[in-house]
Amino acid sequence: MDRSPSTTRSTYDRIADHFAETREYAWPEVDSFLEGRGGTVGLDLGCGNGRHAELLADRCERVVGADISAGLLATARDRARERSFAVELVQADAARLPLATDSVDLAVYVATLHHLPTREARRRSLDELARVLSPDGTALVSVWSTAHERFSRDEGFDTTVDWTLPGGETVPRFYHIYSPEEFDADLAASELAVRSSCVSSGNCYAVVTEQKRP
């Protein structure tokens, strides 16, 4: 199982157009999280086709969409142009964000952390999210969970999940499937402070802020 960031990038470049076509609508949990929230700078980390960046654009003066896949960023650029919302798109590894410390007021980090290849990279990514959040910033983090009905294991595990292209070709995608307890543990070990957490539709969610520095 190849776990390198370059493999994740090439995988999503390969399936980007078809993947984006199947991701038309925002997740209801994201919509609920954003209700009543706003800020100067919004971040959609792992932005894919930009469906959540579109929501952030209604709530923030400036929105950054970051993704490791140039192919997915191209679909986000098309969506922004077609729907007339502003987003600055940047190709980036979620564990090494090219953003200034304390620069983000509102962030969405959904369905992406579980693609990072190692626990070290995933924890580093959570710390990066904490670094870029402003002192009053808030983020929503989500991952696939063992609580989902398609899985029958209690502990977190690595796996691949195939994406089937229109012609029938399958493309394997790396996932780390989190147990809720492991998700809580990784958040607790990071520089984020958890304000609330839950399991919804088989996914783990947490509303987080940066830990207050001394």
N, C-alpha and C. Protein backbone atom coordinates (compact mmCIF):
# COMPACT_ATOMS: atom_id res chain seq x y z
N MET A 1 0.85 -1.19 0.00
CA MET A 1 0.00 0.00 0.00
C MET A 1 0.89 1.25 0.00
N ASP A 2 0.89 1.98 -1.11
CA ASP A 2 1.72 3.18 -1.24
C ASP A 2 1.05 4.33 -0.49
N ARG A 3 1.77 4.91 0.48
CA ARG A 3 1.17 5.93 1.33
C ARG A 3 1.74 7.32 1.10
N SER A 4 2.48 7.53 0.05
CA SER A 4 3.15 8.81 -0.15
C SER A 4 2.16 9.89 -0.57
N PRO A 5 2.42 11.15 -0.19
CA PRO A 5 1.55 12.25 -0.63
C PRO A 5 1.46 12.34 -2.15
N SER A 6 2.54 12.00 -2.85
CA SER A 6 2.50 12.06 -4.31
C SER A 6 1.50 11.06 -4.88
N THR A 7 1.32 9.92 -4.21
CA THR A 7 0.34 8.94 -4.66
C THR A 7 -1.07 9.48 -4.46
N THR A 8 -1.33 10.10 -3.32
CA THR A 8 -2.64 10.71 -3.08
C THR A 8 -2.92 11.77 -4.13
N ARG A 9 -1.92 12.57 -4.41
CA ARG A 9 -2.07 13.63 -5.42
C ARG A 9 -2.40 13.04 -6.78
N SER A 10 -1.64 12.05 -7.24
CA SER A 10 -1.86 11.48 -8.56
C SER A 10 -3.19 10.74 -8.63
N THR A 11 -3.60 10.10 -7.53
CA THR A 11 -4.89 9.41 -7.50
C THR A 11 -6.03 10.39 -7.74
N TYR A 12 -6.02 11.51 -7.01
CA TYR A 12 -7.13 12.45 -7.16
C TYR A 12 -7.03 13.27 -8.44
N ASP A 13 -5.83 13.47 -8.96
CA ASP A 13 -5.72 14.07 -10.29
C ASP A 13 -6.40 13.18 -11.33
N ARG A 14 -6.23 11.90 -11.16
CA ARG A 14 -6.76 10.93 -12.12
C ARG A 14 -8.28 10.88 -12.10
N ILE A 15 -8.89 11.00 -10.94
CA ILE A 15 -10.35 10.86 -10.83
C ILE A 15 -11.05 12.20 -10.65
N ALA A 16 -10.31 13.30 -10.74
CA ALA A 16 -10.83 14.61 -10.31
C ALA A 16 -12.15 14.98 -10.97
N ASP A 17 -12.24 14.90 -12.28
CA ASP A 17 -13.45 15.36 -12.96
C ASP A 17 -14.67 14.55 -12.55
N HIS A 18 -14.54 13.23 -12.54
CA HIS A 18 -15.68 12.40 -12.16
C HIS A 18 -16.01 12.56 -10.68
N PHE A 19 -14.99 12.64 -9.84
CA PHE A 19 -15.20 12.84 -8.41
C PHE A 19 -15.98 14.13 -8.16
N ALA A 20 -15.57 15.22 -8.84
CA ALA A 20 -16.22 16.51 -8.64
C ALA A 20 -17.69 16.47 -9.07
N GLU A 21 -17.98 15.72 -10.12
CA GLU A 21 -19.36 15.62 -10.59
C GLU A 21 -20.28 14.99 -9.54
N THR A 22 -19.72 14.15 -8.68
CA THR A 22 -20.53 13.46 -7.67
C THR A 22 -20.57 14.21 -6.34
N ARG A 23 -19.97 15.38 -6.30
CA ARG A 23 -19.88 16.15 -5.05
C ARG A 23 -20.52 17.53 -5.25
N GLU A 24 -21.78 17.52 -5.63
CA GLU A 24 -22.48 18.76 -5.95
C GLU A 24 -22.83 19.58 -4.72
N TYR A 25 -23.30 18.90 -3.67
CA TYR A 25 -23.88 19.61 -2.54
C TYR A 25 -22.98 19.57 -1.30
N ALA A 26 -23.08 20.62 -0.51
CA ALA A 26 -22.35 20.68 0.76
C ALA A 26 -22.93 19.67 1.75
N TRP A 27 -22.09 19.20 2.65
CA TRP A 27 -22.57 18.33 3.71
C TRP A 27 -23.47 19.13 4.66
N PRO A 28 -24.58 18.56 5.11
CA PRO A 28 -25.46 19.29 6.04
C PRO A 28 -24.75 19.64 7.35
N GLU A 29 -23.83 18.78 7.79
CA GLU A 29 -23.10 19.08 9.03
C GLU A 29 -22.23 20.33 8.87
N VAL A 30 -21.68 20.53 7.67
CA VAL A 30 -20.89 21.73 7.41
C VAL A 30 -21.80 22.95 7.38
N ASP A 31 -22.93 22.82 6.72
CA ASP A 31 -23.90 23.92 6.67
C ASP A 31 -24.32 24.33 8.08
N SER A 32 -24.59 23.35 8.93
CA SER A 32 -25.01 23.65 10.30
C SER A 32 -23.87 24.31 11.08
N PHE A 33 -22.65 23.83 10.91
CA PHE A 33 -21.50 24.41 11.60
C PHE A 33 -21.32 25.88 11.22
N LEU A 34 -21.47 26.20 9.95
CA LEU A 34 -21.22 27.56 9.48
C LEU A 34 -22.33 28.53 9.84
N GLU A 35 -23.49 28.03 10.16
CA GLU A 35 -24.62 28.92 10.46
C GLU A 35 -24.28 29.86 11.63
N GLY A 36 -24.40 31.14 11.39
CA GLY A 36 -24.14 32.13 12.43
C GLY A 36 -22.67 32.46 12.62
N ARG A 37 -21.79 31.83 11.84
CA ARG A 37 -20.35 32.08 11.97
C ARG A 37 -19.84 32.86 10.76
N GLY A 38 -18.75 33.59 10.96
CA GLY A 38 -18.13 34.33 9.87
C GLY A 38 -16.75 34.79 10.28
N GLY A 39 -16.12 35.60 9.44
CA GLY A 39 -14.78 36.09 9.75
C GLY A 39 -14.17 36.79 8.56
N THR A 40 -12.94 37.20 8.73
CA THR A 40 -12.22 37.86 7.64
C THR A 40 -11.69 36.84 6.64
N VAL A 41 -11.01 35.80 7.15
CA VAL A 41 -10.41 34.78 6.27
C VAL A 41 -11.01 33.42 6.58
N GLY A 42 -11.50 32.76 5.55
CA GLY A 42 -12.01 31.40 5.67
C GLY A 42 -11.10 30.43 4.94
N LEU A 43 -11.00 29.21 5.42
CA LEU A 43 -10.15 28.18 4.81
C LEU A 43 -10.95 26.91 4.61
N ASP A 44 -10.94 26.42 3.36
CA ASP A 44 -11.48 25.09 3.05
C ASP A 44 -10.28 24.20 2.79
N LEU A 45 -9.91 23.40 3.78
CA LEU A 45 -8.71 22.56 3.72
C LEU A 45 -9.10 21.19 3.19
N GLY A 46 -8.51 20.82 2.04
CA GLY A 46 -8.97 19.65 1.32
C GLY A 46 -10.23 20.02 0.56
N CYS A 47 -10.14 21.10 -0.22
CA CYS A 47 -11.35 21.75 -0.74
C CYS A 47 -12.02 20.98 -1.87
N GLY A 48 -11.31 20.03 -2.51
CA GLY A 48 -11.95 19.30 -3.59
C GLY A 48 -12.49 20.24 -4.67
N ASN A 49 -13.76 20.10 -5.00
CA ASN A 49 -14.36 20.92 -6.05
C ASN A 49 -14.88 22.26 -5.55
N GLY A 50 -14.62 22.58 -4.28
CA GLY A 50 -14.96 23.90 -3.77
C GLY A 50 -16.37 24.06 -3.26
N ARG A 51 -17.08 22.95 -3.04
CA ARG A 51 -18.48 23.09 -2.60
C ARG A 51 -18.59 23.73 -1.22
N HIS A 52 -17.62 23.51 -0.33
CA HIS A 52 -17.68 24.14 0.98
C HIS A 52 -17.03 25.53 0.97
N ALA A 53 -16.07 25.73 0.08
CA ALA A 53 -15.53 27.09 -0.11
C ALA A 53 -16.63 28.04 -0.55
N GLU A 54 -17.56 27.53 -1.33
CA GLU A 54 -18.70 28.34 -1.78
C GLU A 54 -19.52 28.83 -0.59
N LEU A 55 -19.73 27.98 0.40
CA LEU A 55 -20.45 28.40 1.61
C LEU A 55 -19.64 29.42 2.40
N LEU A 56 -18.34 29.18 2.51
CA LEU A 56 -17.47 30.11 3.24
C LEU A 56 -17.47 31.49 2.59
N ALA A 57 -17.58 31.53 1.27
CA ALA A 57 -17.54 32.81 0.56
C ALA A 57 -18.71 33.72 0.94
N ASP A 58 -19.79 33.14 1.43
CA ASP A 58 -20.92 33.96 1.90
C ASP A 58 -20.72 34.48 3.31
N ARG A 59 -19.66 34.00 3.99
CA ARG A 59 -19.48 34.31 5.40
C ARG A 59 -18.15 34.97 5.73
N CYS A 60 -17.24 34.98 4.77
CA CYS A 60 -15.90 35.53 5.01
C CYS A 60 -15.53 36.50 3.89
N GLU A 61 -14.71 37.48 4.25
CA GLU A 61 -14.27 38.46 3.26
C GLU A 61 -13.33 37.85 2.24
N ARG A 62 -12.55 36.87 2.65
CA ARG A 62 -11.58 36.22 1.78
C ARG A 62 -11.60 34.73 2.09
N VAL A 63 -11.56 33.90 1.05
CA VAL A 63 -11.59 32.46 1.24
C VAL A 63 -10.42 31.83 0.51
N VAL A 64 -9.74 30.91 1.20
CA VAL A 64 -8.64 30.13 0.61
C VAL A 64 -9.10 28.68 0.52
N GLY A 65 -8.95 28.09 -0.65
CA GLY A 65 -9.21 26.67 -0.83
C GLY A 65 -7.90 25.95 -1.09
N ALA A 66 -7.55 24.99 -0.25
CA ALA A 66 -6.27 24.28 -0.37
C ALA A 66 -6.53 22.80 -0.64
N ASP A 67 -5.79 22.24 -1.58
CA ASP A 67 -5.91 20.81 -1.88
C ASP A 67 -4.59 20.34 -2.48
N ILE A 68 -4.27 19.06 -2.28
CA ILE A 68 -3.03 18.52 -2.82
C ILE A 68 -3.15 18.22 -4.31
N SER A 69 -4.38 18.11 -4.82
CA SER A 69 -4.62 17.71 -6.20
C SER A 69 -4.85 18.91 -7.11
N ALA A 70 -3.98 19.08 -8.10
CA ALA A 70 -4.18 20.15 -9.09
C ALA A 70 -5.44 19.91 -9.90
N GLY A 71 -5.77 18.64 -10.14
CA GLY A 71 -6.99 18.33 -10.88
C GLY A 71 -8.23 18.77 -10.14
N LEU A 72 -8.29 18.52 -8.83
CA LEU A 72 -9.44 18.97 -8.05
C LEU A 72 -9.48 20.48 -7.96
N LEU A 73 -8.33 21.13 -7.84
CA LEU A 73 -8.32 22.59 -7.80
C LEU A 73 -8.86 23.17 -9.09
N ALA A 74 -8.61 22.51 -10.21
CA ALA A 74 -9.16 22.97 -11.49
C ALA A 74 -10.69 22.90 -11.48
N THR A 75 -11.24 21.85 -10.88
CA THR A 75 -12.71 21.75 -10.80
C THR A 75 -13.27 22.82 -9.86
N ALA A 76 -12.53 23.14 -8.81
CA ALA A 76 -12.97 24.21 -7.90
C ALA A 76 -12.92 25.56 -8.61
N ARG A 77 -11.91 25.76 -9.43
CA ARG A 77 -11.81 27.01 -10.19
C ARG A 77 -13.00 27.15 -11.14
N ASP A 78 -13.37 26.05 -11.79
CA ASP A 78 -14.52 26.07 -12.68
C ASP A 78 -15.81 26.37 -11.92
N ARG A 79 -15.97 25.75 -10.76
CA ARG A 79 -17.18 25.97 -9.96
C ARG A 79 -17.27 27.42 -9.51
N ALA A 80 -16.15 27.98 -9.07
CA ALA A 80 -16.16 29.37 -8.61
C ALA A 80 -16.52 30.32 -9.75
N ARG A 81 -16.01 30.03 -10.93
CA ARG A 81 -16.32 30.88 -12.09
C ARG A 81 -17.78 30.75 -12.48
N GLU A 82 -18.30 29.53 -12.51
CA GLU A 82 -19.68 29.30 -12.92
C GLU A 82 -20.68 29.86 -11.93
N ARG A 83 -20.32 29.86 -10.63
CA ARG A 83 -21.27 30.28 -9.59
C ARG A 83 -20.94 31.65 -9.00
N SER A 84 -19.91 32.27 -9.55
CA SER A 84 -19.58 33.66 -9.20
C SER A 84 -19.28 33.85 -7.71
N PHE A 85 -18.41 33.01 -7.17
CA PHE A 85 -17.92 33.26 -5.82
C PHE A 85 -16.40 33.33 -5.86
N ALA A 86 -15.83 34.07 -4.93
CA ALA A 86 -14.38 34.31 -4.93
C ALA A 86 -13.67 33.34 -3.99
N VAL A 87 -12.63 32.69 -4.50
CA VAL A 87 -11.80 31.81 -3.68
C VAL A 87 -10.39 31.82 -4.23
N GLU A 88 -9.42 31.89 -3.34
CA GLU A 88 -8.01 31.79 -3.74
C GLU A 88 -7.59 30.33 -3.57
N LEU A 89 -7.17 29.71 -4.65
CA LEU A 89 -6.86 28.29 -4.65
C LEU A 89 -5.37 28.06 -4.59
N VAL A 90 -4.96 27.13 -3.72
CA VAL A 90 -3.54 26.86 -3.54
C VAL A 90 -3.32 25.36 -3.43
N GLN A 91 -2.31 24.85 -4.13
CA GLN A 91 -1.97 23.44 -4.03
C GLN A 91 -1.05 23.25 -2.83
N ALA A 92 -1.46 22.39 -1.90
CA ALA A 92 -0.69 22.26 -0.66
C ALA A 92 -0.94 20.92 0.00
N ASP A 93 0.08 20.44 0.69
CA ASP A 93 -0.02 19.28 1.57
C ASP A 93 -0.66 19.77 2.88
N ALA A 94 -1.68 19.07 3.35
CA ALA A 94 -2.39 19.50 4.55
C ALA A 94 -1.51 19.47 5.80
N ALA A 95 -0.37 18.80 5.72
CA ALA A 95 0.56 18.78 6.86
C ALA A 95 1.62 19.86 6.77
N ARG A 96 1.58 20.66 5.70
CA ARG A 96 2.54 21.76 5.52
C ARG A 96 1.82 22.91 4.81
N LEU A 97 1.12 23.70 5.56
CA LEU A 97 0.27 24.73 4.97
C LEU A 97 1.06 26.01 4.69
N PRO A 98 0.93 26.55 3.48
CA PRO A 98 1.63 27.79 3.14
C PRO A 98 0.82 29.02 3.56
N LEU A 99 0.41 29.02 4.82
CA LEU A 99 -0.42 30.10 5.34
C LEU A 99 0.23 30.67 6.60
N ALA A 100 -0.02 31.94 6.84
CA ALA A 100 0.58 32.60 8.00
C ALA A 100 -0.06 32.13 9.30
N THR A 101 0.71 32.14 10.36
CA THR A 101 0.21 31.82 11.70
C THR A 101 -0.88 32.81 12.10
N ASP A 102 -1.93 32.29 12.74
CA ASP A 102 -3.04 33.12 13.25
C ASP A 102 -3.78 33.87 12.15
N SER A 103 -3.84 33.31 10.95
CA SER A 103 -4.41 34.05 9.82
C SER A 103 -5.83 33.66 9.44
N VAL A 104 -6.35 32.56 10.00
CA VAL A 104 -7.64 32.01 9.56
C VAL A 104 -8.67 32.13 10.68
N ASP A 105 -9.82 32.69 10.34
CA ASP A 105 -10.89 32.87 11.33
C ASP A 105 -11.90 31.73 11.35
N LEU A 106 -12.10 31.09 10.19
CA LEU A 106 -13.12 30.06 10.08
C LEU A 106 -12.63 29.02 9.08
N ALA A 107 -12.60 27.75 9.50
CA ALA A 107 -12.04 26.70 8.64
C ALA A 107 -12.94 25.47 8.61
N VAL A 108 -12.91 24.81 7.47
CA VAL A 108 -13.60 23.53 7.28
C VAL A 108 -12.55 22.53 6.80
N TYR A 109 -12.41 21.42 7.52
CA TYR A 109 -11.41 20.40 7.19
C TYR A 109 -12.12 19.06 7.22
N VAL A 110 -12.83 18.74 6.13
CA VAL A 110 -13.69 17.56 6.13
C VAL A 110 -13.23 16.56 5.07
N ALA A 111 -13.34 15.28 5.43
CA ALA A 111 -13.08 14.17 4.49
C ALA A 111 -11.71 14.25 3.85
N THR A 112 -10.71 14.69 4.61
CA THR A 112 -9.36 14.84 4.07
C THR A 112 -8.30 14.27 5.00
N LEU A 113 -8.41 14.53 6.28
CA LEU A 113 -7.41 14.07 7.25
C LEU A 113 -7.17 12.57 7.13
N HIS A 114 -8.23 11.80 6.86
CA HIS A 114 -8.09 10.35 6.79
C HIS A 114 -7.32 9.87 5.57
N HIS A 115 -7.00 10.77 4.62
CA HIS A 115 -6.18 10.39 3.46
C HIS A 115 -4.69 10.56 3.72
N LEU A 116 -4.32 11.23 4.81
CA LEU A 116 -2.89 11.41 5.09
C LEU A 116 -2.29 10.07 5.49
N PRO A 117 -1.07 9.76 5.02
CA PRO A 117 -0.60 8.38 5.02
C PRO A 117 -0.14 7.81 6.34
N THR A 118 0.24 8.65 7.31
CA THR A 118 0.74 8.13 8.58
C THR A 118 0.10 8.91 9.73
N ARG A 119 0.15 8.32 10.92
CA ARG A 119 -0.37 9.02 12.09
C ARG A 119 0.43 10.29 12.37
N GLU A 120 1.75 10.21 12.14
CA GLU A 120 2.58 11.40 12.33
C GLU A 120 2.12 12.53 11.42
N ALA A 121 1.85 12.22 10.16
CA ALA A 121 1.40 13.25 9.22
C ALA A 121 0.03 13.79 9.62
N ARG A 122 -0.85 12.92 10.08
CA ARG A 122 -2.18 13.38 10.48
C ARG A 122 -2.10 14.30 11.70
N ARG A 123 -1.27 13.93 12.67
CA ARG A 123 -1.12 14.80 13.85
C ARG A 123 -0.44 16.11 13.49
N ARG A 124 0.53 16.04 12.58
CA ARG A 124 1.19 17.27 12.14
C ARG A 124 0.19 18.19 11.44
N SER A 125 -0.71 17.60 10.69
CA SER A 125 -1.73 18.37 10.00
C SER A 125 -2.67 19.07 10.98
N LEU A 126 -3.05 18.38 12.04
CA LEU A 126 -3.89 19.00 13.06
C LEU A 126 -3.16 20.15 13.73
N ASP A 127 -1.87 19.97 13.97
CA ASP A 127 -1.07 21.06 14.55
C ASP A 127 -0.97 22.25 13.58
N GLU A 128 -0.87 21.96 12.29
CA GLU A 128 -0.85 23.02 11.29
C GLU A 128 -2.16 23.80 11.28
N LEU A 129 -3.27 23.08 11.41
CA LEU A 129 -4.56 23.76 11.50
C LEU A 129 -4.59 24.67 12.72
N ALA A 130 -4.10 24.18 13.84
CA ALA A 130 -4.04 25.01 15.05
C ALA A 130 -3.16 26.23 14.84
N ARG A 131 -2.06 26.05 14.15
CA ARG A 131 -1.14 27.16 13.92
C ARG A 131 -1.79 28.29 13.11
N VAL A 132 -2.52 27.93 12.06
CA VAL A 132 -3.07 28.97 11.19
C VAL A 132 -4.35 29.59 11.72
N LEU A 133 -5.02 28.92 12.68
CA LEU A 133 -6.23 29.51 13.25
C LEU A 133 -5.89 30.74 14.07
N SER A 134 -6.70 31.77 13.92
CA SER A 134 -6.53 32.97 14.74
C SER A 134 -6.94 32.67 16.18
N PRO A 135 -6.57 33.52 17.12
CA PRO A 135 -6.94 33.26 18.52
C PRO A 135 -8.43 33.05 18.75
N ASP A 136 -9.25 33.67 17.93
CA ASP A 136 -10.70 33.48 18.04
C ASP A 136 -11.25 32.60 16.92
N GLY A 137 -10.36 31.94 16.18
CA GLY A 137 -10.79 31.13 15.05
C GLY A 137 -11.41 29.81 15.47
N THR A 138 -12.25 29.26 14.58
CA THR A 138 -12.95 28.01 14.83
C THR A 138 -12.91 27.16 13.57
N ALA A 139 -12.82 25.84 13.75
CA ALA A 139 -12.79 24.94 12.60
C ALA A 139 -13.65 23.71 12.87
N LEU A 140 -14.10 23.11 11.78
CA LEU A 140 -14.79 21.82 11.84
C LEU A 140 -13.90 20.79 11.17
N VAL A 141 -13.61 19.69 11.89
CA VAL A 141 -12.78 18.60 11.38
C VAL A 141 -13.64 17.34 11.31
N SER A 142 -13.54 16.60 10.21
CA SER A 142 -14.28 15.33 10.13
C SER A 142 -13.43 14.25 9.48
N VAL A 143 -13.71 12.99 9.84
CA VAL A 143 -13.03 11.83 9.26
C VAL A 143 -14.03 10.68 9.13
N TRP A 144 -13.71 9.75 8.23
CA TRP A 144 -14.46 8.51 8.18
C TRP A 144 -14.20 7.71 9.44
N SER A 145 -15.22 6.98 9.88
CA SER A 145 -15.14 6.33 11.19
C SER A 145 -15.57 4.87 11.13
N THR A 146 -15.05 4.10 12.08
CA THR A 146 -15.48 2.70 12.23
C THR A 146 -16.96 2.63 12.61
N ALA A 147 -17.55 3.76 12.99
CA ALA A 147 -18.98 3.77 13.32
C ALA A 147 -19.84 3.67 12.06
N HIS A 148 -19.25 3.82 10.88
CA HIS A 148 -20.00 3.72 9.63
C HIS A 148 -20.46 2.28 9.43
N GLU A 149 -21.65 2.13 8.86
CA GLU A 149 -22.24 0.80 8.71
C GLU A 149 -21.45 -0.10 7.76
N ARG A 150 -20.60 0.47 6.90
CA ARG A 150 -19.85 -0.36 5.97
C ARG A 150 -18.66 -1.05 6.64
N PHE A 151 -18.33 -0.63 7.86
CA PHE A 151 -17.20 -1.22 8.57
C PHE A 151 -17.69 -2.01 9.78
N SER A 152 -16.95 -3.07 10.12
CA SER A 152 -17.35 -3.91 11.24
C SER A 152 -16.19 -4.11 12.21
N ARG A 153 -15.39 -3.06 12.38
CA ARG A 153 -14.24 -3.13 13.29
C ARG A 153 -14.36 -2.04 14.34
N ASP A 154 -13.80 -2.32 15.50
CA ASP A 154 -13.88 -1.37 16.61
C ASP A 154 -12.66 -0.45 16.68
N GLU A 155 -11.53 -0.90 16.16
CA GLU A 155 -10.30 -0.10 16.22
C GLU A 155 -9.99 0.50 14.84
N GLY A 156 -9.29 1.63 14.85
CA GLY A 156 -8.91 2.26 13.60
C GLY A 156 -8.00 1.38 12.77
N PHE A 157 -8.06 1.56 11.45
CA PHE A 157 -7.26 0.72 10.56
C PHE A 157 -7.03 1.43 9.23
N ASP A 158 -5.97 1.00 8.52
CA ASP A 158 -5.67 1.49 7.18
C ASP A 158 -6.32 0.58 6.15
N THR A 159 -6.77 1.19 5.05
CA THR A 159 -7.39 0.40 4.00
C THR A 159 -7.34 1.18 2.69
N THR A 160 -7.79 0.57 1.63
CA THR A 160 -8.02 1.28 0.38
C THR A 160 -9.49 1.14 0.02
N VAL A 161 -10.02 2.18 -0.57
CA VAL A 161 -11.41 2.20 -1.04
C VAL A 161 -11.37 2.56 -2.52
N ASP A 162 -11.90 1.69 -3.35
CA ASP A 162 -11.83 1.91 -4.80
C ASP A 162 -12.81 2.99 -5.25
N TRP A 163 -12.33 3.81 -6.20
CA TRP A 163 -13.21 4.73 -6.93
C TRP A 163 -13.40 4.15 -8.32
N THR A 164 -14.65 4.03 -8.77
CA THR A 164 -14.94 3.45 -10.08
C THR A 164 -15.24 4.55 -11.08
N LEU A 165 -14.41 4.64 -12.10
CA LEU A 165 -14.59 5.62 -13.16
C LEU A 165 -15.70 5.17 -14.11
N PRO A 166 -16.24 6.09 -14.92
CA PRO A 166 -17.38 5.74 -15.79
C PRO A 166 -17.13 4.54 -16.69
N GLY A 167 -15.90 4.32 -17.14
CA GLY A 167 -15.63 3.18 -18.01
C GLY A 167 -15.45 1.86 -17.28
N GLY A 168 -15.56 1.90 -15.94
CA GLY A 168 -15.43 0.69 -15.15
C GLY A 168 -14.08 0.50 -14.49
N GLU A 169 -13.10 1.34 -14.84
CA GLU A 169 -11.79 1.23 -14.21
C GLU A 169 -11.88 1.62 -12.74
N THR A 170 -11.19 0.89 -11.88
CA THR A 170 -11.19 1.21 -10.45
C THR A 170 -9.84 1.79 -10.05
N VAL A 171 -9.89 2.80 -9.21
CA VAL A 171 -8.69 3.48 -8.74
C VAL A 171 -8.68 3.40 -7.21
N PRO A 172 -7.70 2.74 -6.60
CA PRO A 172 -7.68 2.61 -5.14
C PRO A 172 -7.27 3.91 -4.48
N ARG A 173 -7.94 4.24 -3.36
CA ARG A 173 -7.63 5.44 -2.58
C ARG A 173 -7.30 5.03 -1.15
N PHE A 174 -6.20 5.55 -0.61
CA PHE A 174 -5.82 5.23 0.76
C PHE A 174 -6.74 5.95 1.75
N TYR A 175 -7.15 5.22 2.80
CA TYR A 175 -7.91 5.78 3.91
C TYR A 175 -7.35 5.24 5.22
N HIS A 176 -7.31 6.10 6.22
CA HIS A 176 -7.19 5.61 7.59
C HIS A 176 -8.57 5.77 8.21
N ILE A 177 -9.20 4.66 8.55
CA ILE A 177 -10.53 4.70 9.16
C ILE A 177 -10.36 4.83 10.67
N TYR A 178 -10.81 5.94 11.19
CA TYR A 178 -10.64 6.24 12.62
C TYR A 178 -11.73 5.58 13.46
N SER A 179 -11.35 5.07 14.61
CA SER A 179 -12.36 4.82 15.64
C SER A 179 -12.64 6.16 16.32
N PRO A 180 -13.84 6.37 16.86
CA PRO A 180 -14.11 7.63 17.56
C PRO A 180 -13.11 7.90 18.67
N GLU A 181 -12.68 6.85 19.37
CA GLU A 181 -11.73 7.03 20.48
C GLU A 181 -10.37 7.48 19.95
N GLU A 182 -9.94 6.94 18.82
CA GLU A 182 -8.66 7.33 18.25
C GLU A 182 -8.71 8.77 17.73
N PHE A 183 -9.82 9.14 17.13
CA PHE A 183 -10.00 10.52 16.67
C PHE A 183 -9.88 11.49 17.85
N ASP A 184 -10.57 11.16 18.93
CA ASP A 184 -10.49 12.00 20.13
C ASP A 184 -9.06 12.06 20.66
N ALA A 185 -8.35 10.93 20.62
CA ALA A 185 -6.97 10.89 21.13
C ALA A 185 -6.03 11.74 20.28
N ASP A 186 -6.18 11.68 18.96
CA ASP A 186 -5.32 12.48 18.09
C ASP A 186 -5.60 13.97 18.26
N LEU A 187 -6.85 14.32 18.43
CA LEU A 187 -7.18 15.73 18.69
C LEU A 187 -6.61 16.18 20.03
N ALA A 188 -6.72 15.32 21.04
CA ALA A 188 -6.22 15.68 22.36
C ALA A 188 -4.70 15.83 22.36
N ALA A 189 -4.01 15.08 21.51
CA ALA A 189 -2.55 15.16 21.44
C ALA A 189 -2.07 16.33 20.59
N SER A 190 -2.98 17.00 19.91
CA SER A 190 -2.62 18.10 19.03
C SER A 190 -2.67 19.43 19.78
N GLU A 191 -2.39 20.49 19.05
CA GLU A 191 -2.44 21.83 19.62
C GLU A 191 -3.81 22.48 19.44
N LEU A 192 -4.80 21.65 19.14
CA LEU A 192 -6.18 22.12 19.04
C LEU A 192 -6.91 21.88 20.36
N ALA A 193 -7.89 22.71 20.63
CA ALA A 193 -8.79 22.50 21.76
C ALA A 193 -10.16 22.10 21.20
N VAL A 194 -10.71 21.00 21.71
CA VAL A 194 -11.99 20.50 21.22
C VAL A 194 -13.12 21.16 21.98
N ARG A 195 -14.03 21.78 21.24
CA ARG A 195 -15.18 22.44 21.85
C ARG A 195 -16.41 21.53 21.87
N SER A 196 -16.52 20.66 20.87
CA SER A 196 -17.59 19.66 20.86
C SER A 196 -17.22 18.60 19.85
N SER A 197 -17.77 17.40 20.03
CA SER A 197 -17.52 16.33 19.07
C SER A 197 -18.74 15.41 19.02
N CYS A 198 -18.88 14.72 17.89
CA CYS A 198 -20.02 13.81 17.73
C CYS A 198 -19.74 12.86 16.58
N VAL A 199 -20.59 11.87 16.43
CA VAL A 199 -20.59 10.98 15.28
C VAL A 199 -21.90 11.20 14.55
N SER A 200 -21.80 11.45 13.24
CA SER A 200 -23.00 11.69 12.42
C SER A 200 -22.82 11.01 11.08
N SER A 201 -23.81 10.23 10.66
CA SER A 201 -23.77 9.53 9.37
C SER A 201 -22.49 8.72 9.20
N GLY A 202 -22.01 8.15 10.30
CA GLY A 202 -20.83 7.30 10.25
C GLY A 202 -19.52 8.03 10.22
N ASN A 203 -19.54 9.36 10.35
CA ASN A 203 -18.33 10.16 10.38
C ASN A 203 -18.13 10.77 11.76
N CYS A 204 -16.86 10.96 12.15
CA CYS A 204 -16.54 11.70 13.37
C CYS A 204 -16.41 13.18 13.03
N TYR A 205 -16.97 14.03 13.88
CA TYR A 205 -16.88 15.48 13.71
C TYR A 205 -16.39 16.10 15.02
N ALA A 206 -15.61 17.16 14.89
CA ALA A 206 -15.21 17.93 16.06
C ALA A 206 -15.14 19.41 15.68
N VAL A 207 -15.68 20.24 16.55
CA VAL A 207 -15.51 21.68 16.44
C VAL A 207 -14.32 22.05 17.32
N VAL A 208 -13.33 22.70 16.72
CA VAL A 208 -12.07 22.94 17.42
C VAL A 208 -11.63 24.40 17.30
N THR A 209 -10.80 24.80 18.26
CA THR A 209 -10.11 26.07 18.22
C THR A 209 -8.65 25.80 18.53
N GLU A 210 -7.80 26.82 18.40
CA GLU A 210 -6.42 26.62 18.84
C GLU A 210 -6.39 26.66 20.36
N GLN A 211 -5.46 25.93 20.95
CA GLN A 211 -5.28 26.04 22.39
C GLN A 211 -4.74 27.42 22.72
N LYS A 212 -5.24 27.99 23.79
CA LYS A 212 -4.77 29.31 24.19
C LYS A 212 -3.31 29.24 24.61
N ARG A 213 -2.49 30.07 24.00
CA ARG A 213 -1.09 30.09 24.36
C ARG A 213 -0.87 30.85 25.66
N PRO A 214 0.14 30.46 26.43
CA PRO A 214 0.41 31.16 27.71
C PRO A 214 0.73 32.62 27.46
